[in-house]
Amino acid sequence: MDCGYPGVRAVTQNVSRCQHRRGQQGFTLIEIMVVVIILGILTAIVAPNVIGRVGDAQIAAAKQDLRGIENALKFYRLDNFSYPTTEQGLEALVTRPNDPNIKNWKAGGYLERLPKDPWGNPYQYLSPGNNGEFDIYTLGRDGRPGGEGEDADFGNWDLN
């Protein structure tokens, strides 16, 4: 059919092709089931690897925090000739301790704020430490002493 307008013939041919396709059926039930099974297999293979990586990322983040706190403690010691006591805790890196009064405490502190471990718990501090001059550690995902895997305690002594 040609009405004298360019392109009308092409449009009518495309319309007739679409009408021809309209009669074709969609996907069969078998095809859909095959796709669902393939997606299930892929999920079963990929999901454990992805889930395991989240735990690895949290442990890596905690180790990075421990390094930062460890460096702040070293700067604190350079200024004050000793590490904060266990009683003063890591808070001494953020706010000036009063007991005993610290004379060379850096204005603004050594950290802007104390980070929490990736599981939302505060980092623990012990000075003198059981593993060195001081221990900074996390109690892991469960927030309790001991444990294995992501629940295990680890600290600055594990960074090497």
C-alpha atoms as a PDB file:
ATOM      1  CA  MET A   1       0.000   0.000   0.000  1.00  0.00           C
ATOM      2  CA  ASP A   2       1.527   3.292  -1.072  1.00  0.00           C
ATOM      3  CA  CYS A   3      -0.302   6.522  -0.273  1.00  0.00           C
ATOM      4  CA  GLY A   4       2.250   8.732  -1.937  1.00  0.00           C
ATOM      5  CA  TYR A   5       4.016   9.562   1.296  1.00  0.00           C
ATOM      6  CA  PRO A   6       7.579   8.345   1.803  1.00  0.00           C
ATOM      7  CA  GLY A   7       7.941   5.838   4.608  1.00  0.00           C
ATOM      8  CA  VAL A   8       4.260   4.782   4.753  1.00  0.00           C
ATOM      9  CA  ARG A   9       5.039   1.537   2.970  1.00  0.00           C
ATOM     10  CA  ALA A  10       7.772   0.697   5.544  1.00  0.00           C
ATOM     11  CA  VAL A  11       5.383   1.415   8.439  1.00  0.00           C
ATOM     12  CA  THR A  12       2.661  -0.828   7.041  1.00  0.00           C
ATOM     13  CA  GLN A  13       5.175  -3.643   6.528  1.00  0.00           C
ATOM     14  CA  ASN A  14       6.333  -3.350  10.171  1.00  0.00           C
ATOM     15  CA  VAL A  15       2.711  -3.405  11.403  1.00  0.00           C
ATOM     16  CA  SER A  16       1.976  -6.570   9.451  1.00  0.00           C
ATOM     17  CA  ARG A  17       5.119  -8.209  10.905  1.00  0.00           C
ATOM     18  CA  CYS A  18       3.997  -7.315  14.440  1.00  0.00           C
ATOM     19  CA  GLN A  19       0.548  -8.793  13.774  1.00  0.00           C
ATOM     20  CA  HIS A  20       2.204 -11.988  12.558  1.00  0.00           C
ATOM     21  CA  ARG A  21       4.295 -12.244  15.757  1.00  0.00           C
ATOM     22  CA  ARG A  22       1.265 -11.609  17.936  1.00  0.00           C
ATOM     23  CA  GLY A  23       0.076 -15.091  17.137  1.00  0.00           C
ATOM     24  CA  GLN A  24       3.262 -16.675  18.523  1.00  0.00           C
ATOM     25  CA  GLN A  25       3.235 -17.972  22.098  1.00  0.00           C
ATOM     26  CA  GLY A  26       5.530 -16.699  24.906  1.00  0.00           C
ATOM     27  CA  PHE A  27       7.976 -18.876  26.788  1.00  0.00           C
ATOM     28  CA  THR A  28       6.939 -22.417  27.538  1.00  0.00           C
ATOM     29  CA  LEU A  29       6.735 -23.712  31.082  1.00  0.00           C
ATOM     30  CA  ILE A  30       9.766 -25.917  30.442  1.00  0.00           C
ATOM     31  CA  GLU A  31      11.854 -22.928  29.298  1.00  0.00           C
ATOM     32  CA  ILE A  32      10.895 -20.943  32.399  1.00  0.00           C
ATOM     33  CA  MET A  33      11.698 -23.907  34.656  1.00  0.00           C
ATOM     34  CA  VAL A  34      15.118 -24.334  33.028  1.00  0.00           C
ATOM     35  CA  VAL A  35      15.914 -20.649  33.617  1.00  0.00           C
ATOM     36  CA  VAL A  36      14.774 -20.873  37.261  1.00  0.00           C
ATOM     37  CA  ILE A  37      16.905 -23.983  37.826  1.00  0.00           C
ATOM     38  CA  ILE A  38      19.957 -22.307  36.274  1.00  0.00           C
ATOM     39  CA  LEU A  39      19.455 -19.234  38.479  1.00  0.00           C
ATOM     40  CA  GLY A  40      19.116 -21.492  41.527  1.00  0.00           C
ATOM     41  CA  ILE A  41      22.356 -23.292  40.713  1.00  0.00           C
ATOM     42  CA  LEU A  42      24.200 -20.001  40.187  1.00  0.00           C
ATOM     43  CA  THR A  43      22.857 -18.663  43.490  1.00  0.00           C
ATOM     44  CA  ALA A  44      23.932 -21.822  45.311  1.00  0.00           C
ATOM     45  CA  ILE A  45      27.448 -21.463  43.922  1.00  0.00           C
ATOM     46  CA  VAL A  46      27.897 -17.695  44.301  1.00  0.00           C
ATOM     47  CA  ALA A  47      26.051 -16.950  47.577  1.00  0.00           C
ATOM     48  CA  PRO A  48      28.433 -18.784  49.955  1.00  0.00           C
ATOM     49  CA  ASN A  49      31.417 -17.005  48.399  1.00  0.00           C
ATOM     50  CA  VAL A  50      29.778 -13.589  48.714  1.00  0.00           C
ATOM     51  CA  ILE A  51      28.574 -14.201  52.270  1.00  0.00           C
ATOM     52  CA  GLY A  52      32.053 -15.349  53.339  1.00  0.00           C
ATOM     53  CA  ARG A  53      33.561 -12.185  51.895  1.00  0.00           C
ATOM     54  CA  VAL A  54      31.426  -9.974  54.148  1.00  0.00           C
ATOM     55  CA  GLY A  55      33.065 -11.521  57.216  1.00  0.00           C
ATOM     56  CA  ASP A  56      36.507 -11.086  55.659  1.00  0.00           C
ATOM     57  CA  ALA A  57      35.746  -7.429  54.946  1.00  0.00           C
ATOM     58  CA  GLN A  58      34.662  -6.829  58.548  1.00  0.00           C
ATOM     59  CA  ILE A  59      37.855  -8.392  59.876  1.00  0.00           C
ATOM     60  CA  ALA A  60      39.937  -6.283  57.462  1.00  0.00           C
ATOM     61  CA  ALA A  61      38.096  -3.130  58.622  1.00  0.00           C
ATOM     62  CA  ALA A  62      38.754  -4.015  62.268  1.00  0.00           C
ATOM     63  CA  LYS A  63      42.452  -4.529  61.553  1.00  0.00           C
ATOM     64  CA  GLN A  64      42.580  -1.130  59.848  1.00  0.00           C
ATOM     65  CA  ASP A  65      40.939   0.466  62.899  1.00  0.00           C
ATOM     66  CA  LEU A  66      43.437  -1.260  65.199  1.00  0.00           C
ATOM     67  CA  ARG A  67      46.343   0.136  63.172  1.00  0.00           C
ATOM     68  CA  GLY A  68      44.901   3.656  63.367  1.00  0.00           C
ATOM     69  CA  ILE A  69      44.347   3.439  67.129  1.00  0.00           C
ATOM     70  CA  GLU A  70      47.809   1.948  67.584  1.00  0.00           C
ATOM     71  CA  ASN A  71      49.371   4.888  65.708  1.00  0.00           C
ATOM     72  CA  ALA A  72      47.369   7.400  67.765  1.00  0.00           C
ATOM     73  CA  LEU A  73      48.615   5.724  70.961  1.00  0.00           C
ATOM     74  CA  LYS A  74      52.209   6.016  69.741  1.00  0.00           C
ATOM     75  CA  PHE A  75      51.743   9.760  69.129  1.00  0.00           C
ATOM     76  CA  TYR A  76      50.169  10.078  72.579  1.00  0.00           C
ATOM     77  CA  ARG A  77      53.253   8.424  74.079  1.00  0.00           C
ATOM     78  CA  LEU A  78      55.608  10.733  72.156  1.00  0.00           C
ATOM     79  CA  ASP A  79      53.874  13.750  73.706  1.00  0.00           C
ATOM     80  CA  ASN A  80      53.243  12.369  77.193  1.00  0.00           C
ATOM     81  CA  PHE A  81      56.080   9.837  77.706  1.00  0.00           C
ATOM     82  CA  SER A  82      53.650   7.013  78.537  1.00  0.00           C
ATOM     83  CA  TYR A  83      50.570   5.332  77.170  1.00  0.00           C
ATOM     84  CA  PRO A  84      47.168   6.023  78.705  1.00  0.00           C
ATOM     85  CA  THR A  85      46.398   3.783  81.657  1.00  0.00           C
ATOM     86  CA  THR A  86      43.795   1.067  81.367  1.00  0.00           C
ATOM     87  CA  GLU A  87      41.524   3.224  83.540  1.00  0.00           C
ATOM     88  CA  GLN A  88      41.930   6.235  81.221  1.00  0.00           C
ATOM     89  CA  GLY A  89      41.290   3.921  78.302  1.00  0.00           C
ATOM     90  CA  LEU A  90      41.154   4.841  74.654  1.00  0.00           C
ATOM     91  CA  GLU A  91      38.993   7.839  75.562  1.00  0.00           C
ATOM     92  CA  ALA A  92      42.308   9.556  76.454  1.00  0.00           C
ATOM     93  CA  LEU A  93      42.949   9.814  72.709  1.00  0.00           C
ATOM     94  CA  VAL A  94      39.809  11.922  72.230  1.00  0.00           C
ATOM     95  CA  THR A  95      39.412  13.919  75.463  1.00  0.00           C
ATOM     96  CA  ARG A  96      42.093  15.121  77.848  1.00  0.00           C
ATOM     97  CA  PRO A  97      42.388  12.872  80.912  1.00  0.00           C
ATOM     98  CA  ASN A  98      42.118  14.584  84.314  1.00  0.00           C
ATOM     99  CA  ASP A  99      43.495  11.867  86.553  1.00  0.00           C
ATOM    100  CA  PRO A 100      46.410  12.189  86.393  1.00  0.00           C
ATOM    101  CA  ASN A 101      46.484  15.547  84.662  1.00  0.00           C
ATOM    102  CA  ILE A 102      48.323  15.214  81.344  1.00  0.00           C
ATOM    103  CA  LYS A 103      50.478  18.277  80.645  1.00  0.00           C
ATOM    104  CA  ASN A 104      51.501  17.665  77.031  1.00  0.00           C
ATOM    105  CA  TRP A 105      48.180  16.427  75.693  1.00  0.00           C
ATOM    106  CA  LYS A 106      47.763  17.628  72.112  1.00  0.00           C
ATOM    107  CA  ALA A 107      44.968  20.171  71.648  1.00  0.00           C
ATOM    108  CA  GLY A 108      42.257  18.551  69.561  1.00  0.00           C
ATOM    109  CA  GLY A 109      43.260  15.068  70.666  1.00  0.00           C
ATOM    110  CA  TYR A 110      44.818  12.191  68.818  1.00  0.00           C
ATOM    111  CA  LEU A 111      41.624  10.897  67.233  1.00  0.00           C
ATOM    112  CA  GLU A 112      38.466  12.775  66.237  1.00  0.00           C
ATOM    113  CA  ARG A 113      36.339  10.012  67.681  1.00  0.00           C
ATOM    114  CA  LEU A 114      36.773   6.465  68.874  1.00  0.00           C
ATOM    115  CA  PRO A 115      35.718   3.997  66.222  1.00  0.00           C
ATOM    116  CA  LYS A 116      33.555   1.021  67.089  1.00  0.00           C
ATOM    117  CA  ASP A 117      34.443  -2.371  65.734  1.00  0.00           C
ATOM    118  CA  PRO A 118      32.564  -3.506  62.598  1.00  0.00           C
ATOM    119  CA  TRP A 119      30.024  -5.291  64.817  1.00  0.00           C
ATOM    120  CA  GLY A 120      29.173  -2.097  66.724  1.00  0.00           C
ATOM    121  CA  ASN A 121      31.127  -2.828  69.914  1.00  0.00           C
ATOM    122  CA  PRO A 122      33.819  -0.627  71.474  1.00  0.00           C
ATOM    123  CA  TYR A 123      37.437  -1.669  71.103  1.00  0.00           C
ATOM    124  CA  GLN A 124      39.045  -2.941  74.307  1.00  0.00           C
ATOM    125  CA  TYR A 125      42.267  -1.504  75.735  1.00  0.00           C
ATOM    126  CA  LEU A 126      44.744  -2.824  78.268  1.00  0.00           C
ATOM    127  CA  SER A 127      47.941  -1.075  79.402  1.00  0.00           C
ATOM    128  CA  PRO A 128      50.293  -2.665  80.134  1.00  0.00           C
ATOM    129  CA  GLY A 129      49.124  -5.345  77.772  1.00  0.00           C
ATOM    130  CA  ASN A 130      49.440  -9.105  77.934  1.00  0.00           C
ATOM    131  CA  ASN A 131      50.996  -9.178  74.458  1.00  0.00           C
ATOM    132  CA  GLY A 132      53.062  -5.982  74.456  1.00  0.00           C
ATOM    133  CA  GLU A 133      53.207  -2.496  75.945  1.00  0.00           C
ATOM    134  CA  PHE A 134      49.473  -2.195  75.312  1.00  0.00           C
ATOM    135  CA  ASP A 135      46.720  -4.338  73.857  1.00  0.00           C
ATOM    136  CA  ILE A 136      43.906  -3.022  71.678  1.00  0.00           C
ATOM    137  CA  TYR A 137      41.457  -5.680  70.660  1.00  0.00           C
ATOM    138  CA  THR A 138      37.951  -6.568  69.594  1.00  0.00           C
ATOM    139  CA  LEU A 139      35.863  -9.354  71.038  1.00  0.00           C
ATOM    140  CA  GLY A 140      34.674 -10.259  67.544  1.00  0.00           C
ATOM    141  CA  ARG A 141      31.193 -10.554  66.144  1.00  0.00           C
ATOM    142  CA  ASP A 142      29.642 -12.083  69.278  1.00  0.00           C
ATOM    143  CA  GLY A 143      31.103  -9.413  71.613  1.00  0.00           C
ATOM    144  CA  ARG A 144      32.216 -12.081  74.104  1.00  0.00           C
ATOM    145  CA  PRO A 145      35.694 -13.325  75.025  1.00  0.00           C
ATOM    146  CA  GLY A 146      36.904 -16.332  73.052  1.00  0.00           C
ATOM    147  CA  GLY A 147      35.217 -17.764  70.005  1.00  0.00           C
ATOM    148  CA  GLU A 148      36.256 -18.930  66.572  1.00  0.00           C
ATOM    149  CA  GLY A 149      36.128 -17.446  63.088  1.00  0.00           C
ATOM    150  CA  GLU A 150      34.317 -14.094  63.088  1.00  0.00           C
ATOM    151  CA  ASP A 151      33.533 -14.546  66.797  1.00  0.00           C
ATOM    152  CA  ALA A 152      37.231 -14.836  67.693  1.00  0.00           C
ATOM    153  CA  ASP A 153      39.006 -12.110  69.632  1.00  0.00           C
ATOM    154  CA  PHE A 154      41.894 -10.454  67.837  1.00  0.00           C
ATOM    155  CA  GLY A 155      44.009  -7.435  68.497  1.00  0.00           C
ATOM    156  CA  ASN A 156      47.038  -5.389  67.602  1.00  0.00           C
ATOM    157  CA  TRP A 157      49.267  -8.386  68.349  1.00  0.00           C
ATOM    158  CA  ASP A 158      47.693 -10.130  65.308  1.00  0.00           C
ATOM    159  CA  LEU A 159      48.552  -7.370  62.834  1.00  0.00           C
ATOM    160  CA  ASN A 160      52.013  -8.567  61.816  1.00  0.00           C
END
